Amino acid sequence: MQLAEVAQGHGAQGVKSVRVSIGPLSGVEPQLLRDAYPIASAGSVAADATLLIEAAPIRVQCETCGAETEASPNRLLCGSCGDYHTRLLSGDELLLVSVELVM
């Protein structure tokens, strides 16, 4: 578990809070993660930690005009020129943003 490695690497007694960023295209449902977290963290250094979830935006880069814009899940269009030739930059990730340790 990545949290155990972080806590051990810093000589912490435990984890106070965990902040993650979830994109809408990640396949992770935030509420289900929130519900599963107590079970998944039971017996670990993060058992008493608070889970904080941030929503990551969907960002695309247009291959036609080069603009980087936000997009919606079912319309990955360039927000500048409207073209559909885009490359996904973010929105499909589940990232560990920060960990607050108990020293």
Protein backbone atom coordinates (compact mmCIF):
# COMPACT_ATOMS: atom_id res chain seq x y z
CA MET A 1 0.00 0.00 0.00
CA GLN A 2 1.45 3.35 -1.04
CA LEU A 3 0.29 5.05 2.18
CA ALA A 4 2.19 2.58 4.36
CA GLU A 5 5.36 3.26 2.36
CA VAL A 6 4.94 7.03 2.72
CA ALA A 7 4.30 6.80 6.47
CA GLN A 8 7.20 4.40 7.05
CA GLY A 9 9.55 6.49 4.91
CA HIS A 10 8.87 9.53 7.10
CA GLY A 11 8.84 7.70 10.43
CA ALA A 12 5.18 8.56 11.02
CA GLN A 13 2.93 6.82 13.53
CA GLY A 14 -0.05 6.98 11.21
CA VAL A 15 -1.95 8.88 8.56
CA LYS A 16 -4.37 11.71 9.42
CA SER A 17 -5.77 12.42 5.95
CA VAL A 18 -5.48 11.24 2.37
CA ARG A 19 -6.32 13.47 -0.60
CA VAL A 20 -6.98 11.92 -4.00
CA SER A 21 -7.94 13.40 -7.36
CA ILE A 22 -10.37 11.45 -9.51
CA GLY A 23 -11.15 12.19 -13.15
CA PRO A 24 -14.61 11.47 -14.53
CA LEU A 25 -13.13 9.10 -17.13
CA SER A 26 -11.11 7.09 -14.57
CA GLY A 27 -13.75 4.44 -14.09
CA VAL A 28 -13.75 5.17 -10.34
CA GLU A 29 -17.03 6.24 -8.76
CA PRO A 30 -16.13 8.71 -5.94
CA GLN A 31 -19.00 7.68 -3.66
CA LEU A 32 -18.15 3.99 -3.99
CA LEU A 33 -14.51 4.75 -3.14
CA ARG A 34 -15.69 6.78 -0.13
CA ASP A 35 -17.84 3.84 1.01
CA ALA A 36 -15.08 1.24 0.46
CA TYR A 37 -12.26 3.25 2.07
CA PRO A 38 -12.96 2.22 5.71
CA ILE A 39 -12.89 -1.45 4.72
CA ALA A 40 -9.79 -1.12 2.53
CA SER A 41 -7.85 0.84 5.16
CA ALA A 42 -8.84 -1.27 8.18
CA GLY A 43 -5.82 -2.52 10.09
CA SER A 44 -3.42 -0.21 8.23
CA VAL A 45 -1.63 3.01 9.20
CA ALA A 46 -4.48 4.85 7.44
CA ALA A 47 -7.32 3.17 9.33
CA ASP A 48 -8.34 6.40 11.09
CA ALA A 49 -7.49 8.74 8.20
CA THR A 50 -10.02 10.99 6.52
CA LEU A 51 -10.41 10.48 2.77
CA LEU A 52 -10.69 13.73 0.80
CA ILE A 53 -11.71 13.48 -2.85
CA GLU A 54 -11.14 16.17 -5.49
CA ALA A 55 -12.73 16.08 -8.93
CA ALA A 56 -10.17 16.38 -11.74
CA PRO A 57 -11.32 18.17 -14.89
CA ILE A 58 -11.27 16.64 -18.35
CA ARG A 59 -8.71 18.52 -20.44
CA VAL A 60 -7.95 17.98 -24.10
CA GLN A 61 -5.41 19.35 -26.57
CA CYS A 62 -6.63 20.06 -30.06
CA GLU A 63 -4.55 18.52 -32.83
CA THR A 64 -5.85 21.14 -35.27
CA CYS A 65 -5.39 24.47 -33.45
CA GLY A 66 -3.21 23.34 -30.51
CA ALA A 67 -5.46 24.81 -27.83
CA GLU A 68 -5.75 23.13 -24.42
CA THR A 69 -9.31 23.33 -23.13
CA GLU A 70 -11.73 21.61 -20.78
CA ALA A 71 -14.20 19.15 -22.24
CA SER A 72 -17.18 17.10 -21.09
CA PRO A 73 -17.17 13.30 -20.75
CA ASN A 74 -19.22 12.60 -23.86
CA ARG A 75 -17.90 15.48 -25.98
CA LEU A 76 -14.12 15.55 -26.13
CA LEU A 77 -14.20 18.52 -28.50
CA CYS A 78 -11.83 21.47 -28.64
CA GLY A 79 -13.33 24.34 -26.65
CA SER A 80 -11.60 26.81 -28.94
CA CYS A 81 -12.32 25.68 -32.51
CA GLY A 82 -14.84 22.87 -31.92
CA ASP A 83 -12.79 20.21 -33.74
CA TYR A 84 -13.04 16.59 -32.64
CA HIS A 85 -9.36 15.76 -33.29
CA THR A 86 -8.24 16.04 -29.69
CA ARG A 87 -5.85 14.24 -27.36
CA LEU A 88 -6.86 13.58 -23.76
CA LEU A 89 -4.52 15.37 -21.31
CA SER A 90 -6.35 14.67 -18.05
CA GLY A 91 -9.58 13.34 -16.69
CA ASP A 92 -8.84 9.61 -16.66
CA GLU A 93 -6.63 9.55 -13.58
CA LEU A 94 -6.85 8.47 -9.98
CA LEU A 95 -3.97 10.27 -8.26
CA LEU A 96 -2.71 10.38 -4.70
CA VAL A 97 -2.41 14.14 -4.21
CA SER A 98 -1.28 14.41 -0.58
CA VAL A 99 -0.96 12.54 2.68
CA GLU A 100 -1.08 14.23 6.10
CA LEU A 101 0.98 12.20 8.56
CA VAL A 102 0.75 11.77 12.34
CA MET A 103 4.25 12.14 13.76
